Protein backbone atom coordinates (compact mmCIF):
# COMPACT_ATOMS: atom_id res chain seq x y z
CA MET A 1 -33.59 20.50 11.29
CA PRO A 2 -34.80 20.17 14.68
CA GLY A 3 -32.64 19.24 17.42
CA PRO A 4 -33.43 15.30 17.96
CA GLN A 5 -32.86 15.00 14.27
CA ARG A 6 -30.07 16.85 14.04
CA ASP A 7 -28.56 14.74 16.71
CA ALA A 8 -29.81 11.46 15.33
CA ALA A 9 -28.05 12.71 11.55
CA ARG A 10 -24.80 13.65 13.67
CA THR A 11 -24.65 9.84 15.38
CA ARG A 12 -25.19 8.07 12.14
CA ARG A 13 -22.56 10.36 10.71
CA MET A 14 -20.23 9.20 13.92
CA LEU A 15 -21.30 5.46 13.55
CA LEU A 16 -20.39 5.18 9.39
CA SER A 17 -17.13 7.29 10.46
CA THR A 18 -16.27 4.56 13.07
CA ALA A 19 -17.43 1.42 10.86
CA ALA A 20 -15.03 2.67 7.96
CA ARG A 21 -11.76 2.90 10.28
CA VAL A 22 -12.81 -0.53 12.26
CA ILE A 23 -13.42 -1.99 8.38
CA SER A 24 -10.63 -1.11 7.31
CA GLU A 25 -8.86 -2.24 9.40
CA ARG A 26 -10.78 -5.59 10.48
CA GLY A 27 -12.35 -6.20 7.32
CA ALA A 28 -15.87 -6.53 6.33
CA GLY A 29 -16.80 -9.50 8.54
CA VAL A 30 -16.63 -7.35 11.85
CA SER A 31 -18.99 -7.83 14.42
CA LEU A 32 -21.73 -4.97 15.42
CA ASP A 33 -20.71 -5.32 18.96
CA LEU A 34 -17.22 -4.38 17.93
CA VAL A 35 -18.41 -1.26 15.52
CA ALA A 36 -20.25 -0.16 18.60
CA ARG A 37 -17.98 -0.87 21.10
CA GLU A 38 -15.61 1.07 19.32
CA ALA A 39 -18.45 3.94 18.61
CA GLY A 40 -18.83 4.43 22.25
CA VAL A 41 -22.62 3.29 22.00
CA SER A 42 -24.67 0.62 23.10
CA LYS A 43 -25.37 -2.08 20.61
CA GLY A 44 -29.39 -1.03 20.40
CA GLY A 45 -27.76 2.16 19.60
CA LEU A 46 -26.15 1.10 16.76
CA LEU A 47 -29.31 -1.17 15.47
CA HIS A 48 -31.65 1.61 15.70
CA HIS A 49 -29.77 2.85 12.72
CA PHE A 50 -28.87 0.03 11.04
CA SER A 51 -30.68 -3.13 11.70
CA THR A 52 -28.30 -5.52 10.31
CA ARG A 53 -24.30 -5.92 8.98
CA GLU A 54 -25.40 -5.67 5.40
CA ALA A 55 -27.51 -2.71 6.55
CA LEU A 56 -24.29 -0.97 7.59
CA LEU A 57 -22.06 -1.76 4.49
CA LEU A 58 -25.11 -0.34 2.36
CA GLY A 59 -24.89 2.64 4.47
CA LEU A 60 -21.29 3.18 4.52
CA VAL A 61 -21.19 2.95 0.67
CA GLU A 62 -23.77 5.23 0.40
CA HIS A 63 -22.14 7.80 2.57
CA LEU A 64 -19.13 7.20 0.46
CA VAL A 65 -20.75 8.04 -2.85
CA GLU A 66 -22.49 10.91 -1.21
CA GLU A 67 -18.56 12.38 -0.05
CA VAL A 68 -17.36 11.66 -2.94
CA ASP A 69 -20.44 13.91 -4.71
CA ALA A 70 -19.86 16.65 -2.51
CA ALA A 71 -16.51 17.11 -3.13
CA VAL A 72 -16.70 17.43 -6.92
CA ASP A 73 -19.46 19.83 -6.32
CA ARG A 74 -17.37 22.09 -3.88
CA ALA A 75 -14.32 21.81 -6.80
CA LEU A 76 -16.80 22.84 -9.53
CA ASP A 77 -16.42 26.33 -10.48
CA PRO A 78 -19.37 28.13 -11.16
CA ALA A 79 -17.68 30.37 -13.63
CA ASP A 80 -16.32 27.78 -15.40
CA THR A 81 -18.55 27.17 -18.46
CA ALA A 82 -15.97 25.91 -20.69
CA PRO A 83 -15.83 21.98 -21.78
CA GLY A 84 -14.08 19.79 -19.70
CA SER A 85 -15.69 22.09 -16.31
CA PHE A 86 -16.50 18.40 -14.55
CA ALA A 87 -13.46 16.73 -15.54
CA ARG A 88 -11.73 19.57 -14.11
CA ALA A 89 -13.62 19.44 -10.62
CA TRP A 90 -13.33 15.62 -10.84
CA ILE A 91 -9.31 15.80 -11.16
CA ARG A 92 -9.14 18.76 -8.31
CA SER A 93 -10.96 16.82 -5.94
CA THR A 94 -9.57 13.36 -6.75
CA PHE A 95 -6.31 15.33 -5.73
CA GLU A 96 -7.36 16.54 -2.81
CA ASP A 97 -8.30 13.74 -1.59
CA LEU A 98 -4.73 12.63 -2.36
CA SER A 99 -3.13 15.24 -0.48
CA ASP A 100 -4.60 14.11 2.86
CA GLY A 101 -2.86 10.59 2.28
CA THR A 102 -5.13 8.91 5.28
CA LEU A 103 -8.33 10.06 3.54
CA ALA A 104 -7.11 8.32 0.46
CA HIS A 105 -5.86 5.49 1.52
CA GLU A 106 -8.79 4.44 4.18
CA ARG A 107 -11.31 4.97 0.97
CA ALA A 108 -9.31 3.33 -1.49
CA THR A 109 -8.81 0.29 1.04
CA LEU A 110 -12.75 0.62 2.19
CA VAL A 111 -13.84 0.03 -1.60
CA GLY A 112 -11.35 -2.95 -1.68
CA ILE A 113 -13.00 -4.68 0.98
CA LEU A 114 -16.31 -3.76 0.21
CA GLY A 115 -16.23 -4.98 -3.25
CA THR A 116 -16.33 -8.70 -1.48
CA VAL A 117 -20.33 -7.88 -1.18
CA PRO A 118 -22.69 -8.45 -3.94
CA GLU A 119 -24.98 -5.32 -3.24
CA VAL A 120 -22.67 -3.12 -2.59
CA VAL A 121 -20.86 -3.98 -5.66
CA ARG A 122 -23.94 -2.82 -7.42
CA ARG A 123 -24.23 0.75 -5.61
CA ILE A 124 -20.77 1.21 -6.67
CA ARG A 125 -21.26 0.44 -10.08
CA GLU A 126 -24.24 2.61 -10.51
CA ALA A 127 -22.66 5.56 -8.94
CA GLY A 128 -19.35 4.68 -11.10
CA GLU A 129 -21.77 4.57 -14.06
CA ARG A 130 -23.25 8.04 -13.26
CA TRP A 131 -20.00 9.60 -13.06
CA SER A 132 -18.86 8.01 -16.06
CA GLN A 133 -21.77 9.29 -17.89
CA ARG A 134 -21.27 12.83 -16.89
CA LEU A 135 -17.17 12.65 -17.80
CA ALA A 136 -18.83 11.44 -21.15
CA HIS A 137 -20.73 14.31 -22.19
CA ASP A 138 -18.72 16.89 -20.48
CA GLY A 139 -17.31 17.76 -24.05
CA LEU A 140 -14.11 16.35 -24.26
CA ASP A 141 -13.48 13.89 -26.99
CA ALA A 142 -13.09 10.17 -25.50
CA GLN A 143 -9.41 9.93 -25.61
CA ARG A 144 -9.18 12.45 -23.06
CA VAL A 145 -12.13 11.33 -20.80
CA VAL A 146 -10.52 7.71 -20.93
CA LEU A 147 -7.01 8.93 -20.08
CA ILE A 148 -8.33 11.40 -17.11
CA SER A 149 -10.59 8.77 -15.60
CA ARG A 150 -7.89 6.28 -15.77
CA ALA A 151 -5.72 8.28 -14.44
CA CYS A 152 -7.31 9.41 -11.62
CA ASP A 153 -8.57 5.84 -10.54
CA GLY A 154 -5.00 4.67 -10.89
CA ALA A 155 -3.47 7.52 -8.33
CA THR A 156 -6.09 6.80 -5.50
CA MET A 157 -5.41 3.12 -5.67
CA ALA A 158 -1.40 3.76 -6.01
CA SER A 159 -2.10 5.12 -2.50
CA LEU A 160 -2.59 1.28 -1.37
CA PHE A 161 0.59 0.02 -2.64
CA GLN A 162 3.22 2.81 -3.73
CA ARG A 163 4.81 5.31 -1.30
CA GLN A 164 3.03 8.76 -0.48
CA LEU A 165 3.37 11.18 -3.49
CA GLY A 166 4.73 14.34 -1.90
CA GLN A 167 2.59 17.53 -2.26
CA ARG A 168 4.59 18.75 -5.25
CA GLU A 169 4.38 15.52 -7.36
CA LEU A 170 0.82 15.38 -6.61
CA ASP A 171 0.43 19.25 -7.99
CA GLU A 172 2.44 18.36 -11.32
CA GLU A 173 0.24 15.00 -11.77
CA ARG A 174 -2.66 17.32 -11.12
CA GLU A 175 -1.82 20.19 -13.29
CA LEU A 176 -0.78 17.32 -15.84
CA LEU A 177 -4.45 16.20 -16.21
CA LEU A 178 -5.49 19.25 -16.00
CA ALA A 179 -3.77 20.76 -19.43
CA LEU A 180 -5.66 17.69 -21.53
CA THR A 181 -8.93 19.53 -20.60
CA ARG A 182 -7.95 22.60 -21.86
CA GLU A 183 -8.71 21.54 -25.64
CA THR A 184 -11.49 18.81 -26.62
CA GLY A 185 -10.29 17.13 -29.50
CA PRO A 186 -8.82 13.58 -30.02
CA LEU A 187 -5.60 13.35 -28.78
CA VAL A 188 -4.09 10.79 -31.61
CA ASP A 189 -5.85 10.38 -34.87
CA MET A 190 -6.58 6.32 -34.59
CA SER A 191 -7.11 6.01 -38.33
CA THR A 192 -3.81 7.30 -39.18
CA GLU A 193 -2.33 5.20 -35.91
CA ALA A 194 -3.95 2.09 -37.23
CA HIS A 195 -2.78 2.40 -41.07
CA ARG A 196 1.23 3.37 -39.60
CA ARG A 197 0.70 -0.15 -37.45
CA ARG A 198 -0.35 -1.74 -40.81
CA ALA A 199 2.36 -0.45 -42.74
CA ALA A 200 5.36 -1.23 -40.35
CA PRO A 201 7.92 -3.64 -41.65
CA GLY A 202 6.96 -6.22 -38.45
CA ALA A 203 3.15 -6.07 -39.24
CA LYS A 204 4.10 -7.30 -43.04
CA ARG A 205 6.27 -9.88 -41.99
CA VAL A 206 3.54 -11.32 -39.55
CA SER A 207 0.71 -11.29 -41.70
CA ARG A 208 2.98 -13.26 -44.53
CA ASP A 209 3.96 -15.70 -41.42
CA GLN A 210 0.33 -16.06 -41.02
CA LYS A 211 -0.59 -16.41 -44.66
CA SER A 212 2.04 -18.84 -44.95
């Protein structure tokens, strides 16, 4: 990449990093003047990269998605060709972020704040659907996929509302989720489970009460 293009890319990344921090602290309604001042550039310099506040917010979410994609790609093991390889990379990248408490907290806060902007919500949902499809076609039963996906999402959001977990706790949770990827079949036979619920004494009593 030629020098001027490299410098422009570096400036763009710096602006996005600054905007992420400022918006996490002040909310999505921050002015471009404040972002430019915090980044140490003129407002004109900021407008050269992002012509409106909406363009800056979209740039932020696209940058966030790119960071997630890059983290998962780094966590993918080229030698791992078994079913669940993408799920394992997803788990490892999630818990790598959680090990850096500041990064996970800032990202979760940023997504929550940006979730008030309709176009940003659409972009986030598009990325989420793409990731969900990759997990769904990773060779694991849907029961395993939904538990892994929800657990990773929950662990990330918990960084906002609960104490930061120690590394030992994070490692234990990561290994628990990784263990779910080492087999591919369903965890529970739902037809048997439904039959068991129907056969339970309480279920029969409720059924009789409803008929009466």
